[in-house]
Amino acid sequence: MGIYDITVRDADEREVSLAQYEGKALLIVNTATHCGFTPQLAGLQTLYDTYRERGFEVLAFPCNQFGKQAPGTNAEIGEFCALKYHTTFPQFAKIDVNGADEIPLYTYLKSQQGGIGGSAIKWNFSKFLVDKSGAVVARFASTTTPEAIAAQIEELL
């Protein structure tokens, strides 16, 4: 099984195959709207604006598992991100990234890039970088800003 075999749900709860992103570099992020790292949405948008035309996508997955910092419906979260941070990158349905209800995408990502201290996602805005062939090539902690990832994205494009 690879990343392109996985199906997720968009913000309208429709199934979306990740196969539609085949051939693109991806930055997959578990986001939150009421977190100290929420301003990273602006940096994610800058990356998206800078590299989208070269085959790059940011995939945002709101997650309420950490301090209940992603309250609200999918629509409310999307509206907040668009109005406050002018985001235009794909945002998906709210998910769990750890535990019994974690979605298969995060099970897969963690199996490919376990991270320091185990595979569990530690907090909001953990980031996974996927190359154009679908390989998960890096994992970044919440404290790593989107700007700090730009050089690695450049290498993949």
N, C-alpha and C. Protein backbone atom coordinates (compact mmCIF):
# COMPACT_ATOMS: atom_id res chain seq x y z
N MET A 1 0.84 -1.19 0.00
CA MET A 1 0.00 0.00 0.00
C MET A 1 0.88 1.25 0.00
N GLY A 2 0.49 2.24 -0.77
CA GLY A 2 1.19 3.52 -0.81
C GLY A 2 0.22 4.65 -0.57
N ILE A 3 0.75 5.85 -0.53
CA ILE A 3 -0.08 7.02 -0.22
C ILE A 3 -1.20 7.22 -1.24
N TYR A 4 -0.94 6.84 -2.51
CA TYR A 4 -1.95 7.04 -3.55
C TYR A 4 -3.09 6.04 -3.50
N ASP A 5 -2.98 5.05 -2.62
CA ASP A 5 -4.05 4.07 -2.43
C ASP A 5 -5.03 4.51 -1.34
N ILE A 6 -4.73 5.61 -0.70
CA ILE A 6 -5.51 6.07 0.45
C ILE A 6 -6.60 7.05 0.02
N THR A 7 -7.75 6.92 0.64
CA THR A 7 -8.87 7.83 0.42
C THR A 7 -9.11 8.62 1.71
N VAL A 8 -9.36 9.90 1.56
CA VAL A 8 -9.67 10.78 2.69
C VAL A 8 -11.01 11.46 2.41
N ARG A 9 -11.46 12.28 3.33
CA ARG A 9 -12.71 13.03 3.14
C ARG A 9 -12.40 14.51 3.07
N ASP A 10 -13.02 15.17 2.08
CA ASP A 10 -12.83 16.62 1.96
C ASP A 10 -13.71 17.33 2.99
N ALA A 11 -13.66 18.65 2.99
CA ALA A 11 -14.40 19.43 3.99
C ALA A 11 -15.91 19.26 3.88
N ASP A 12 -16.38 18.77 2.73
CA ASP A 12 -17.80 18.48 2.55
C ASP A 12 -18.12 17.00 2.81
N GLU A 13 -17.15 16.27 3.36
CA GLU A 13 -17.29 14.85 3.72
C GLU A 13 -17.40 13.93 2.49
N ARG A 14 -16.95 14.40 1.34
CA ARG A 14 -16.91 13.54 0.15
C ARG A 14 -15.58 12.81 0.12
N GLU A 15 -15.61 11.56 -0.35
CA GLU A 15 -14.37 10.80 -0.46
C GLU A 15 -13.50 11.36 -1.56
N VAL A 16 -12.21 11.44 -1.26
CA VAL A 16 -11.22 11.95 -2.20
C VAL A 16 -10.05 10.96 -2.21
N SER A 17 -9.70 10.49 -3.38
CA SER A 17 -8.53 9.61 -3.51
C SER A 17 -7.28 10.47 -3.59
N LEU A 18 -6.27 10.10 -2.82
CA LEU A 18 -5.01 10.83 -2.89
C LEU A 18 -4.28 10.56 -4.21
N ALA A 19 -4.78 9.62 -4.99
CA ALA A 19 -4.20 9.36 -6.31
C ALA A 19 -4.27 10.60 -7.20
N GLN A 20 -5.21 11.50 -6.92
CA GLN A 20 -5.30 12.71 -7.72
C GLN A 20 -4.09 13.62 -7.54
N TYR A 21 -3.28 13.37 -6.51
CA TYR A 21 -2.09 14.17 -6.25
C TYR A 21 -0.81 13.48 -6.74
N GLU A 22 -0.96 12.36 -7.41
CA GLU A 22 0.21 11.65 -7.92
C GLU A 22 1.00 12.57 -8.83
N GLY A 23 2.33 12.53 -8.68
CA GLY A 23 3.21 13.37 -9.48
C GLY A 23 3.45 14.75 -8.90
N LYS A 24 2.88 15.02 -7.72
CA LYS A 24 3.08 16.30 -7.06
C LYS A 24 3.80 16.09 -5.73
N ALA A 25 4.56 17.09 -5.32
CA ALA A 25 5.13 17.10 -3.98
C ALA A 25 4.05 17.59 -3.03
N LEU A 26 3.96 16.98 -1.86
CA LEU A 26 2.91 17.31 -0.90
C LEU A 26 3.49 17.68 0.46
N LEU A 27 2.86 18.63 1.11
CA LEU A 27 3.12 18.90 2.52
C LEU A 27 1.79 18.67 3.23
N ILE A 28 1.75 17.62 4.05
CA ILE A 28 0.53 17.22 4.75
C ILE A 28 0.65 17.68 6.20
N VAL A 29 -0.36 18.44 6.66
CA VAL A 29 -0.29 19.11 7.96
C VAL A 29 -1.58 18.91 8.74
N ASN A 30 -1.46 18.55 10.03
CA ASN A 30 -2.64 18.56 10.89
C ASN A 30 -2.75 19.95 11.52
N THR A 31 -3.84 20.63 11.21
CA THR A 31 -3.98 22.04 11.57
C THR A 31 -4.97 22.24 12.71
N ALA A 32 -4.96 23.45 13.24
CA ALA A 32 -5.90 23.85 14.28
C ALA A 32 -6.10 25.36 14.17
N THR A 33 -7.27 25.81 14.57
CA THR A 33 -7.60 27.23 14.43
C THR A 33 -7.38 28.05 15.70
N HIS A 34 -7.20 27.39 16.84
CA HIS A 34 -7.05 28.10 18.11
C HIS A 34 -5.78 27.64 18.83
N CYS A 35 -4.68 27.65 18.12
CA CYS A 35 -3.41 27.12 18.62
C CYS A 35 -2.34 28.21 18.47
N GLY A 36 -1.33 28.13 19.30
CA GLY A 36 -0.22 29.07 19.17
C GLY A 36 0.48 28.97 17.83
N PHE A 37 0.36 27.83 17.17
CA PHE A 37 0.98 27.64 15.86
C PHE A 37 0.05 28.02 14.69
N THR A 38 -1.18 28.41 14.98
CA THR A 38 -2.14 28.73 13.92
C THR A 38 -1.61 29.77 12.93
N PRO A 39 -0.81 30.76 13.34
CA PRO A 39 -0.26 31.70 12.36
C PRO A 39 0.59 31.02 11.27
N GLN A 40 0.98 29.77 11.47
CA GLN A 40 1.70 29.05 10.42
C GLN A 40 0.83 28.88 9.17
N LEU A 41 -0.48 29.04 9.29
CA LEU A 41 -1.33 28.97 8.11
C LEU A 41 -0.89 29.99 7.06
N ALA A 42 -0.44 31.15 7.49
CA ALA A 42 0.04 32.17 6.55
C ALA A 42 1.28 31.67 5.82
N GLY A 43 2.19 31.04 6.54
CA GLY A 43 3.40 30.50 5.92
C GLY A 43 3.09 29.35 4.98
N LEU A 44 2.12 28.52 5.35
CA LEU A 44 1.71 27.43 4.46
C LEU A 44 1.13 28.00 3.17
N GLN A 45 0.35 29.08 3.28
CA GLN A 45 -0.21 29.71 2.09
C GLN A 45 0.89 30.29 1.21
N THR A 46 1.91 30.87 1.82
CA THR A 46 3.04 31.40 1.05
C THR A 46 3.74 30.29 0.28
N LEU A 47 3.97 29.14 0.94
CA LEU A 47 4.57 28.01 0.24
C LEU A 47 3.70 27.57 -0.93
N TYR A 48 2.42 27.49 -0.68
CA TYR A 48 1.46 27.07 -1.72
C TYR A 48 1.49 28.04 -2.90
N ASP A 49 1.46 29.33 -2.61
CA ASP A 49 1.49 30.34 -3.67
C ASP A 49 2.80 30.27 -4.46
N THR A 50 3.89 30.03 -3.76
CA THR A 50 5.22 30.03 -4.38
C THR A 50 5.45 28.82 -5.28
N TYR A 51 4.98 27.65 -4.85
CA TYR A 51 5.37 26.40 -5.52
C TYR A 51 4.25 25.66 -6.23
N ARG A 52 3.04 26.12 -6.11
CA ARG A 52 1.91 25.37 -6.69
C ARG A 52 2.07 25.14 -8.18
N GLU A 53 2.47 26.15 -8.90
CA GLU A 53 2.61 26.04 -10.36
C GLU A 53 3.71 25.04 -10.76
N ARG A 54 4.56 24.69 -9.81
CA ARG A 54 5.65 23.74 -10.08
C ARG A 54 5.31 22.33 -9.60
N GLY A 55 4.06 22.10 -9.19
CA GLY A 55 3.65 20.76 -8.79
C GLY A 55 3.72 20.49 -7.31
N PHE A 56 3.30 21.45 -6.51
CA PHE A 56 3.32 21.33 -5.05
C PHE A 56 1.92 21.58 -4.49
N GLU A 57 1.55 20.82 -3.48
CA GLU A 57 0.26 20.99 -2.81
C GLU A 57 0.45 20.95 -1.30
N VAL A 58 -0.29 21.78 -0.60
CA VAL A 58 -0.43 21.70 0.85
C VAL A 58 -1.77 21.04 1.10
N LEU A 59 -1.79 20.00 1.92
CA LEU A 59 -3.03 19.32 2.29
C LEU A 59 -3.22 19.50 3.79
N ALA A 60 -4.27 20.23 4.18
CA ALA A 60 -4.52 20.56 5.58
C ALA A 60 -5.63 19.69 6.14
N PHE A 61 -5.36 19.10 7.30
CA PHE A 61 -6.31 18.23 7.98
C PHE A 61 -6.55 18.76 9.40
N PRO A 62 -7.64 19.49 9.61
CA PRO A 62 -7.94 19.98 10.96
C PRO A 62 -8.05 18.81 11.95
N CYS A 63 -7.52 19.05 13.14
CA CYS A 63 -7.50 18.01 14.17
C CYS A 63 -7.79 18.65 15.52
N ASN A 64 -8.75 18.09 16.23
CA ASN A 64 -9.17 18.64 17.52
C ASN A 64 -8.64 17.82 18.70
N GLN A 65 -7.67 16.94 18.44
CA GLN A 65 -7.17 16.05 19.48
C GLN A 65 -6.25 16.71 20.50
N PHE A 66 -5.68 17.85 20.16
CA PHE A 66 -4.68 18.48 21.03
C PHE A 66 -5.26 19.75 21.63
N GLY A 67 -5.68 19.66 22.87
CA GLY A 67 -6.22 20.82 23.57
C GLY A 67 -7.52 21.35 22.99
N LYS A 68 -8.22 20.51 22.20
CA LYS A 68 -9.49 20.93 21.59
C LYS A 68 -9.33 22.27 20.87
N GLN A 69 -8.21 22.40 20.12
CA GLN A 69 -7.87 23.66 19.48
C GLN A 69 -8.37 23.78 18.03
N ALA A 70 -9.22 22.85 17.62
CA ALA A 70 -9.87 22.96 16.30
C ALA A 70 -11.37 22.74 16.48
N PRO A 71 -12.01 23.62 17.26
CA PRO A 71 -13.44 23.45 17.46
C PRO A 71 -14.20 23.89 16.21
N GLY A 72 -15.45 23.57 16.18
CA GLY A 72 -16.28 24.02 15.07
C GLY A 72 -16.43 22.96 14.00
N THR A 73 -17.29 23.26 13.05
CA THR A 73 -17.55 22.35 11.93
C THR A 73 -16.46 22.54 10.87
N ASN A 74 -16.45 21.63 9.91
CA ASN A 74 -15.52 21.77 8.79
C ASN A 74 -15.72 23.11 8.10
N ALA A 75 -16.97 23.51 7.91
CA ALA A 75 -17.27 24.78 7.24
C ALA A 75 -16.77 25.97 8.05
N GLU A 76 -16.98 25.93 9.36
CA GLU A 76 -16.51 27.02 10.22
C GLU A 76 -14.99 27.13 10.21
N ILE A 77 -14.32 25.99 10.25
CA ILE A 77 -12.86 25.98 10.21
C ILE A 77 -12.37 26.54 8.87
N GLY A 78 -12.98 26.11 7.78
CA GLY A 78 -12.60 26.61 6.46
C GLY A 78 -12.80 28.10 6.33
N GLU A 79 -13.92 28.59 6.85
CA GLU A 79 -14.21 30.02 6.79
C GLU A 79 -13.19 30.82 7.60
N PHE A 80 -12.85 30.33 8.79
CA PHE A 80 -11.85 31.00 9.62
C PHE A 80 -10.51 31.09 8.88
N CYS A 81 -10.07 29.98 8.32
CA CYS A 81 -8.77 29.95 7.63
C CYS A 81 -8.75 30.88 6.42
N ALA A 82 -9.84 30.88 5.67
CA ALA A 82 -9.91 31.72 4.47
C ALA A 82 -9.97 33.20 4.83
N LEU A 83 -10.76 33.56 5.84
CA LEU A 83 -10.93 34.96 6.19
C LEU A 83 -9.72 35.54 6.93
N LYS A 84 -9.19 34.78 7.88
CA LYS A 84 -8.09 35.30 8.69
C LYS A 84 -6.73 35.14 8.02
N TYR A 85 -6.52 34.03 7.30
CA TYR A 85 -5.20 33.74 6.72
C TYR A 85 -5.22 33.64 5.19
N HIS A 86 -6.38 33.86 4.58
CA HIS A 86 -6.52 33.87 3.12
C HIS A 86 -6.04 32.57 2.48
N THR A 87 -6.31 31.45 3.14
CA THR A 87 -5.87 30.16 2.62
C THR A 87 -6.70 29.74 1.42
N THR A 88 -6.00 29.14 0.47
CA THR A 88 -6.67 28.59 -0.72
C THR A 88 -6.25 27.15 -0.98
N PHE A 89 -5.35 26.61 -0.18
CA PHE A 89 -4.93 25.22 -0.37
C PHE A 89 -6.02 24.28 0.13
N PRO A 90 -6.00 23.03 -0.33
CA PRO A 90 -7.06 22.08 0.05
C PRO A 90 -7.12 21.84 1.56
N GLN A 91 -8.33 21.94 2.07
CA GLN A 91 -8.58 21.61 3.47
C GLN A 91 -9.58 20.47 3.51
N PHE A 92 -9.30 19.52 4.34
CA PHE A 92 -10.10 18.30 4.41
C PHE A 92 -10.95 18.29 5.68
N ALA A 93 -11.71 17.23 5.85
CA ALA A 93 -12.56 17.08 7.03
C ALA A 93 -11.70 16.92 8.28
N LYS A 94 -12.26 17.33 9.40
CA LYS A 94 -11.59 17.18 10.69
C LYS A 94 -11.32 15.70 10.96
N ILE A 95 -10.13 15.42 11.49
CA ILE A 95 -9.70 14.03 11.67
C ILE A 95 -9.07 13.81 13.04
N ASP A 96 -8.79 12.53 13.34
CA ASP A 96 -7.90 12.13 14.43
C ASP A 96 -6.61 11.65 13.80
N VAL A 97 -5.49 12.03 14.39
CA VAL A 97 -4.18 11.62 13.89
C VAL A 97 -3.53 10.55 14.76
N ASN A 98 -4.09 10.30 15.92
CA ASN A 98 -3.60 9.28 16.85
C ASN A 98 -4.79 8.48 17.39
N GLY A 99 -4.50 7.28 17.85
CA GLY A 99 -5.51 6.51 18.56
C GLY A 99 -6.40 5.65 17.69
N ALA A 100 -7.43 5.12 18.31
CA ALA A 100 -8.32 4.16 17.66
C ALA A 100 -9.04 4.73 16.45
N ASP A 101 -9.27 6.04 16.43
CA ASP A 101 -10.01 6.65 15.32
C ASP A 101 -9.12 7.39 14.33
N GLU A 102 -7.79 7.21 14.43
CA GLU A 102 -6.92 7.90 13.47
C GLU A 102 -7.22 7.40 12.06
N ILE A 103 -7.10 8.32 11.11
CA ILE A 103 -7.41 7.95 9.73
C ILE A 103 -6.23 7.18 9.13
N PRO A 104 -6.50 6.32 8.15
CA PRO A 104 -5.43 5.52 7.54
C PRO A 104 -4.27 6.36 6.99
N LEU A 105 -4.54 7.56 6.51
CA LEU A 105 -3.45 8.40 6.01
C LEU A 105 -2.41 8.62 7.09
N TYR A 106 -2.83 8.94 8.30
CA TYR A 106 -1.87 9.21 9.36
C TYR A 106 -1.21 7.94 9.87
N THR A 107 -1.91 6.83 9.84
CA THR A 107 -1.27 5.55 10.17
C THR A 107 -0.13 5.31 9.19
N TYR A 108 -0.38 5.56 7.91
CA TYR A 108 0.62 5.36 6.88
C TYR A 108 1.79 6.35 7.05
N LEU A 109 1.48 7.63 7.20
CA LEU A 109 2.55 8.63 7.33
C LEU A 109 3.47 8.30 8.50
N LYS A 110 2.88 7.95 9.63
CA LYS A 110 3.69 7.64 10.81
C LYS A 110 4.50 6.36 10.62
N SER A 111 3.99 5.43 9.85
CA SER A 111 4.75 4.19 9.58
C SER A 111 5.97 4.49 8.72
N GLN A 112 5.92 5.54 7.93
CA GLN A 112 7.02 5.90 7.03
C GLN A 112 8.04 6.82 7.69
N GLN A 113 7.58 7.67 8.58
CA GLN A 113 8.46 8.63 9.28
C GLN A 113 8.05 8.68 10.74
N GLY A 114 8.61 7.76 11.53
CA GLY A 114 8.20 7.62 12.92
C GLY A 114 8.42 8.84 13.79
N GLY A 115 9.54 9.49 13.63
CA GLY A 115 9.81 10.67 14.44
C GLY A 115 10.53 10.34 15.73
N ILE A 116 11.05 11.35 16.35
CA ILE A 116 11.79 11.23 17.59
C ILE A 116 10.82 10.91 18.72
N GLY A 117 11.15 9.92 19.51
CA GLY A 117 10.32 9.57 20.66
C GLY A 117 9.08 8.77 20.31
N GLY A 118 9.08 8.14 19.15
CA GLY A 118 7.94 7.32 18.77
C GLY A 118 7.15 7.94 17.64
N SER A 119 6.17 7.20 17.18
CA SER A 119 5.48 7.64 15.98
C SER A 119 4.30 8.56 16.24
N ALA A 120 3.81 8.65 17.45
CA ALA A 120 2.61 9.46 17.72
C ALA A 120 2.83 10.92 17.32
N ILE A 121 1.79 11.52 16.78
CA ILE A 121 1.82 12.95 16.50
C ILE A 121 1.75 13.65 17.86
N LYS A 122 2.66 14.59 18.09
CA LYS A 122 2.76 15.23 19.40
C LYS A 122 1.84 16.44 19.57
N TRP A 123 1.55 17.15 18.46
CA TRP A 123 0.76 18.37 18.59
C TRP A 123 0.30 18.82 17.21
N ASN A 124 -0.48 19.89 17.20
CA ASN A 124 -0.94 20.50 15.96
C ASN A 124 0.23 20.99 15.12
N PHE A 125 0.03 21.03 13.82
CA PHE A 125 0.99 21.52 12.85
C PHE A 125 2.24 20.66 12.72
N SER A 126 2.09 19.35 12.96
CA SER A 126 3.13 18.41 12.55
C SER A 126 3.03 18.32 11.04
N LYS A 127 4.18 18.16 10.38
CA LYS A 127 4.19 18.23 8.92
C LYS A 127 4.92 17.03 8.32
N PHE A 128 4.37 16.50 7.22
CA PHE A 128 5.01 15.42 6.48
C PHE A 128 5.23 15.88 5.06
N LEU A 129 6.44 15.71 4.55
CA LEU A 129 6.78 16.07 3.19
C LEU A 129 6.85 14.81 2.34
N VAL A 130 6.12 14.83 1.23
CA VAL A 130 6.01 13.68 0.33
C VAL A 130 6.55 14.10 -1.04
N ASP A 131 7.42 13.26 -1.61
CA ASP A 131 7.97 13.62 -2.93
C ASP A 131 7.00 13.26 -4.05
N LYS A 132 7.38 13.58 -5.28
CA LYS A 132 6.48 13.40 -6.42
C LYS A 132 6.18 11.94 -6.73
N SER A 133 6.98 11.02 -6.20
CA SER A 133 6.71 9.60 -6.42
C SER A 133 5.86 9.00 -5.31
N GLY A 134 5.53 9.80 -4.29
CA GLY A 134 4.70 9.33 -3.19
C GLY A 134 5.46 8.87 -1.96
N ALA A 135 6.79 8.99 -1.98
CA ALA A 135 7.59 8.61 -0.81
C ALA A 135 7.52 9.71 0.25
N VAL A 136 7.32 9.30 1.50
CA VAL A 136 7.31 10.24 2.62
C VAL A 136 8.77 10.47 2.99
N VAL A 137 9.30 11.66 2.66
CA VAL A 137 10.73 11.89 2.76
C VAL A 137 11.16 12.64 4.02
N ALA A 138 10.22 13.28 4.72
CA ALA A 138 10.60 14.02 5.93
C ALA A 138 9.38 14.25 6.81
N ARG A 139 9.68 14.40 8.08
CA ARG A 139 8.66 14.74 9.08
C ARG A 139 9.19 15.91 9.88
N PHE A 140 8.33 16.89 10.14
CA PHE A 140 8.73 18.08 10.86
C PHE A 140 7.82 18.31 12.06
N ALA A 141 8.41 18.75 13.15
CA ALA A 141 7.66 19.05 14.37
C ALA A 141 6.86 20.33 14.20
N SER A 142 5.94 20.54 15.10
CA SER A 142 5.11 21.74 15.10
C SER A 142 5.94 23.02 15.10
N THR A 143 7.06 22.98 15.76
CA THR A 143 7.90 24.18 15.90
C THR A 143 8.64 24.53 14.62
N THR A 144 8.70 23.62 13.65
CA THR A 144 9.35 23.92 12.37
C THR A 144 8.39 24.76 11.54
N THR A 145 8.82 25.95 11.19
CA THR A 145 7.96 26.84 10.43
C THR A 145 7.90 26.40 8.97
N PRO A 146 6.83 26.75 8.29
CA PRO A 146 6.77 26.44 6.86
C PRO A 146 7.95 27.03 6.08
N GLU A 147 8.38 28.21 6.44
CA GLU A 147 9.50 28.86 5.75
C GLU A 147 10.77 28.02 5.85
N ALA A 148 10.95 27.32 6.95
CA ALA A 148 12.14 26.50 7.16
C ALA A 148 12.16 25.26 6.26
N ILE A 149 11.03 24.93 5.67
CA ILE A 149 10.90 23.74 4.82
C ILE A 149 11.09 24.09 3.34
N ALA A 150 11.10 25.36 3.01
CA ALA A 150 11.13 25.79 1.60
C ALA A 150 12.27 25.17 0.80
N ALA A 151 13.48 25.13 1.37
CA ALA A 151 14.63 24.59 0.62
C ALA A 151 14.42 23.12 0.27
N GLN A 152 13.83 22.36 1.18
CA GLN A 152 13.57 20.93 0.90
C GLN A 152 12.49 20.77 -0.17
N ILE A 153 11.52 21.65 -0.17
CA ILE A 153 10.49 21.62 -1.20
C ILE A 153 11.12 21.90 -2.56
N GLU A 154 11.99 22.92 -2.59
CA GLU A 154 12.71 23.26 -3.83
C GLU A 154 13.43 22.04 -4.41
N GLU A 155 14.08 21.28 -3.54
CA GLU A 155 14.82 20.10 -4.00
C GLU A 155 13.91 19.06 -4.63
N LEU A 156 12.68 18.97 -4.15
CA LEU A 156 11.74 17.97 -4.67
C LEU A 156 11.13 18.39 -6.01
N LEU A 157 11.17 19.67 -6.29
CA LEU A 157 10.53 20.16 -7.51
C LEU A 157 11.55 20.27 -8.62
